[in-house]
N, C-alpha and C. Protein backbone atom coordinates (compact mmCIF):
# COMPACT_ATOMS: atom_id res chain seq x y z
N MET A 1 0.84 -1.17 0.00
CA MET A 1 0.00 0.00 0.00
C MET A 1 0.89 1.24 0.00
N ILE A 2 0.45 2.24 -0.71
CA ILE A 2 1.19 3.50 -0.78
C ILE A 2 0.36 4.59 -0.09
N TYR A 3 1.02 5.35 0.78
CA TYR A 3 0.38 6.45 1.49
C TYR A 3 1.06 7.75 1.12
N ARG A 4 0.26 8.79 0.90
CA ARG A 4 0.76 10.14 0.68
C ARG A 4 0.55 10.90 1.98
N VAL A 5 1.63 11.50 2.51
CA VAL A 5 1.59 12.14 3.82
C VAL A 5 2.05 13.59 3.71
N VAL A 6 1.26 14.50 4.26
CA VAL A 6 1.62 15.92 4.34
C VAL A 6 1.96 16.21 5.80
N PHE A 7 3.19 16.62 6.03
CA PHE A 7 3.63 16.97 7.37
C PHE A 7 3.40 18.45 7.63
N ARG A 8 3.13 18.80 8.88
CA ARG A 8 2.85 20.18 9.27
C ARG A 8 4.04 21.10 9.02
N ASN A 9 5.25 20.60 9.22
CA ASN A 9 6.44 21.39 8.90
C ASN A 9 7.59 20.47 8.53
N ARG A 10 8.57 21.05 7.86
CA ARG A 10 9.69 20.25 7.33
C ARG A 10 10.51 19.58 8.42
N ALA A 11 10.74 20.25 9.52
CA ALA A 11 11.58 19.70 10.58
C ALA A 11 10.99 18.40 11.13
N LYS A 12 9.68 18.37 11.33
CA LYS A 12 9.05 17.18 11.89
C LYS A 12 9.11 16.00 10.93
N SER A 13 9.07 16.26 9.62
CA SER A 13 9.13 15.16 8.66
C SER A 13 10.50 14.49 8.67
N LYS A 14 11.55 15.24 8.99
CA LYS A 14 12.91 14.69 9.03
C LYS A 14 13.13 13.81 10.26
N ASN A 15 12.48 14.16 11.37
CA ASN A 15 12.74 13.48 12.64
C ASN A 15 11.93 12.21 12.86
N LEU A 16 11.03 11.87 11.97
CA LEU A 16 10.17 10.71 12.14
C LEU A 16 10.95 9.42 11.90
N GLN A 17 10.85 8.49 12.85
CA GLN A 17 11.57 7.21 12.76
C GLN A 17 10.57 6.06 12.76
N PHE A 18 10.72 5.14 11.81
CA PHE A 18 9.87 3.96 11.72
C PHE A 18 10.69 2.72 12.09
N GLU A 19 10.01 1.71 12.63
CA GLU A 19 10.68 0.43 12.91
C GLU A 19 11.16 -0.16 11.59
N ILE A 20 12.22 -0.92 11.65
CA ILE A 20 12.76 -1.60 10.46
C ILE A 20 11.70 -2.54 9.90
N GLY A 21 11.54 -2.49 8.58
CA GLY A 21 10.62 -3.39 7.91
C GLY A 21 9.24 -2.82 7.63
N ILE A 22 8.94 -1.64 8.15
CA ILE A 22 7.63 -1.03 7.89
C ILE A 22 7.62 -0.35 6.53
N VAL A 23 8.59 0.51 6.28
CA VAL A 23 8.65 1.30 5.05
C VAL A 23 9.55 0.60 4.04
N LYS A 24 8.98 0.32 2.85
CA LYS A 24 9.77 -0.29 1.78
C LYS A 24 10.48 0.77 0.95
N GLU A 25 9.79 1.89 0.71
CA GLU A 25 10.36 2.97 -0.10
C GLU A 25 9.71 4.28 0.30
N VAL A 26 10.44 5.36 0.20
CA VAL A 26 9.91 6.69 0.50
C VAL A 26 10.44 7.67 -0.53
N ARG A 27 9.59 8.62 -0.93
CA ARG A 27 10.04 9.64 -1.88
C ARG A 27 9.37 10.97 -1.57
N LEU A 28 10.14 12.03 -1.70
CA LEU A 28 9.65 13.39 -1.49
C LEU A 28 8.94 13.84 -2.75
N LEU A 29 7.69 14.28 -2.62
CA LEU A 29 6.94 14.76 -3.77
C LEU A 29 7.06 16.26 -3.95
N GLY A 30 7.20 16.98 -2.83
CA GLY A 30 7.32 18.43 -2.95
C GLY A 30 7.33 19.13 -1.61
N THR A 31 7.63 20.41 -1.67
CA THR A 31 7.70 21.26 -0.49
C THR A 31 6.85 22.49 -0.70
N ASN A 32 6.04 22.81 0.29
CA ASN A 32 5.26 24.05 0.29
C ASN A 32 6.06 25.05 1.11
N THR A 33 6.50 26.11 0.49
CA THR A 33 7.35 27.08 1.19
C THR A 33 6.57 28.30 1.66
N GLY A 34 5.24 28.17 1.75
CA GLY A 34 4.43 29.28 2.25
C GLY A 34 4.62 29.47 3.74
N SER A 35 3.67 30.14 4.37
CA SER A 35 3.78 30.44 5.79
C SER A 35 3.79 29.18 6.66
N ALA A 36 3.15 28.11 6.19
CA ALA A 36 3.12 26.86 6.94
C ALA A 36 4.01 25.84 6.24
N SER A 37 5.25 26.15 6.09
CA SER A 37 6.21 25.33 5.36
C SER A 37 6.03 23.84 5.66
N SER A 38 5.63 23.07 4.65
CA SER A 38 5.35 21.65 4.84
C SER A 38 5.95 20.84 3.69
N ARG A 39 6.02 19.53 3.91
CA ARG A 39 6.52 18.61 2.88
C ARG A 39 5.51 17.52 2.63
N VAL A 40 5.48 17.08 1.36
CA VAL A 40 4.60 15.98 0.97
C VAL A 40 5.47 14.80 0.57
N TRP A 41 5.23 13.65 1.22
CA TRP A 41 6.00 12.43 0.99
C TRP A 41 5.07 11.30 0.58
N GLU A 42 5.59 10.35 -0.19
CA GLU A 42 4.89 9.09 -0.44
C GLU A 42 5.68 7.96 0.17
N TYR A 43 4.97 7.10 0.89
CA TYR A 43 5.58 5.95 1.56
C TYR A 43 4.97 4.67 1.01
N GLU A 44 5.82 3.73 0.59
CA GLU A 44 5.34 2.40 0.24
C GLU A 44 5.54 1.53 1.48
N ILE A 45 4.45 0.93 1.95
CA ILE A 45 4.46 0.20 3.20
C ILE A 45 4.43 -1.31 2.95
N ALA A 46 5.20 -2.04 3.73
CA ALA A 46 5.25 -3.50 3.61
C ALA A 46 3.88 -4.10 3.94
N ASP A 47 3.54 -5.18 3.27
CA ASP A 47 2.27 -5.86 3.51
C ASP A 47 2.13 -6.22 4.99
N GLY A 48 0.97 -5.92 5.53
CA GLY A 48 0.69 -6.25 6.92
C GLY A 48 1.23 -5.26 7.94
N ARG A 49 1.92 -4.22 7.50
CA ARG A 49 2.53 -3.25 8.42
C ARG A 49 1.83 -1.88 8.39
N GLU A 50 0.67 -1.82 7.75
CA GLU A 50 -0.04 -0.55 7.61
C GLU A 50 -0.40 0.07 8.96
N GLU A 51 -0.92 -0.74 9.90
CA GLU A 51 -1.29 -0.21 11.21
C GLU A 51 -0.08 0.31 11.96
N ASP A 52 1.05 -0.38 11.87
CA ASP A 52 2.28 0.11 12.51
C ASP A 52 2.68 1.47 11.95
N PHE A 53 2.58 1.60 10.64
CA PHE A 53 2.90 2.86 9.98
C PHE A 53 1.97 3.98 10.45
N LEU A 54 0.66 3.72 10.42
CA LEU A 54 -0.32 4.73 10.81
C LEU A 54 -0.22 5.08 12.29
N ASP A 55 0.07 4.10 13.13
CA ASP A 55 0.26 4.38 14.57
C ASP A 55 1.45 5.31 14.80
N THR A 56 2.54 5.07 14.08
CA THR A 56 3.72 5.92 14.22
C THR A 56 3.41 7.34 13.79
N LEU A 57 2.68 7.50 12.69
CA LEU A 57 2.29 8.84 12.24
C LEU A 57 1.41 9.53 13.27
N ALA A 58 0.44 8.80 13.81
CA ALA A 58 -0.48 9.39 14.79
C ALA A 58 0.26 9.85 16.05
N LYS A 59 1.21 9.06 16.50
CA LYS A 59 1.98 9.40 17.71
C LYS A 59 2.87 10.61 17.48
N SER A 60 3.29 10.84 16.25
CA SER A 60 4.20 11.95 15.95
C SER A 60 3.53 13.31 16.08
N LYS A 61 2.21 13.36 15.91
CA LYS A 61 1.45 14.61 15.93
C LYS A 61 1.98 15.64 14.93
N ALA A 62 2.66 15.17 13.90
CA ALA A 62 3.27 16.05 12.91
C ALA A 62 2.54 16.02 11.57
N VAL A 63 1.51 15.19 11.46
CA VAL A 63 0.85 14.96 10.18
C VAL A 63 -0.37 15.84 10.01
N ALA A 64 -0.41 16.57 8.91
CA ALA A 64 -1.58 17.38 8.58
C ALA A 64 -2.59 16.56 7.80
N ARG A 65 -2.12 15.63 6.96
CA ARG A 65 -3.01 14.82 6.12
C ARG A 65 -2.30 13.53 5.72
N CYS A 66 -3.08 12.46 5.65
CA CYS A 66 -2.56 11.16 5.22
C CYS A 66 -3.60 10.50 4.34
N GLU A 67 -3.18 10.05 3.15
CA GLU A 67 -4.09 9.39 2.22
C GLU A 67 -3.51 8.06 1.78
N ALA A 68 -4.37 7.04 1.74
CA ALA A 68 -3.99 5.79 1.12
C ALA A 68 -4.19 5.97 -0.38
N VAL A 69 -3.15 5.75 -1.16
CA VAL A 69 -3.19 5.99 -2.60
C VAL A 69 -3.08 4.64 -3.31
N SER A 70 -4.05 4.35 -4.16
CA SER A 70 -3.97 3.09 -4.90
C SER A 70 -3.01 3.24 -6.08
N GLN A 71 -2.90 2.22 -6.88
CA GLN A 71 -1.98 2.25 -8.01
C GLN A 71 -2.46 3.13 -9.16
N THR A 72 -3.74 3.53 -9.16
CA THR A 72 -4.24 4.43 -10.19
C THR A 72 -4.17 5.86 -9.68
N ILE A 73 -3.87 6.78 -10.56
CA ILE A 73 -3.65 8.17 -10.18
C ILE A 73 -4.91 8.81 -9.59
N ASP A 74 -6.09 8.49 -10.12
CA ASP A 74 -7.32 9.16 -9.71
C ASP A 74 -7.93 8.60 -8.43
N SER A 75 -7.44 7.49 -7.93
CA SER A 75 -8.07 6.85 -6.78
C SER A 75 -7.26 7.07 -5.52
N HIS A 76 -7.88 7.71 -4.52
CA HIS A 76 -7.23 7.86 -3.22
C HIS A 76 -8.30 8.01 -2.15
N THR A 77 -7.97 7.63 -0.94
CA THR A 77 -8.89 7.69 0.17
C THR A 77 -8.21 8.36 1.35
N PRO A 78 -8.76 9.48 1.84
CA PRO A 78 -8.16 10.10 3.04
C PRO A 78 -8.28 9.16 4.23
N TYR A 79 -7.26 9.07 5.02
CA TYR A 79 -7.29 8.26 6.23
C TYR A 79 -7.80 9.15 7.35
N SER A 80 -8.92 8.80 7.95
CA SER A 80 -9.66 9.70 8.83
C SER A 80 -8.87 10.18 10.05
N ARG A 81 -7.91 9.42 10.51
CA ARG A 81 -7.17 9.82 11.70
C ARG A 81 -6.40 11.12 11.47
N PHE A 82 -6.12 11.45 10.19
CA PHE A 82 -5.31 12.62 9.89
C PHE A 82 -6.02 13.62 8.99
N ALA A 83 -7.24 13.35 8.57
CA ALA A 83 -7.94 14.24 7.65
C ALA A 83 -8.13 15.60 8.30
N THR A 84 -7.83 16.65 7.56
CA THR A 84 -7.97 18.00 8.08
C THR A 84 -9.42 18.44 7.93
N GLN A 85 -9.81 19.36 8.78
CA GLN A 85 -11.20 19.82 8.75
C GLN A 85 -11.30 21.20 8.16
């Protein structure tokens, strides 16, 4: 499963640590340099480790938004624990 994650600020995205074996691949998609400087990352998560990944994000309190992204460009589902209001 691939998740797209928007962090509240760049510093918090750098300090996040995951247990070995949770994240298979990670890539930076972009940086918002406005007043709320944030970064958007995509994480490919190992099968069966999705809850570990989401728990780590929730504990960090650094996530503005998290979406599960399928293999098609148009299909994505916001993960409610991080959906902004």
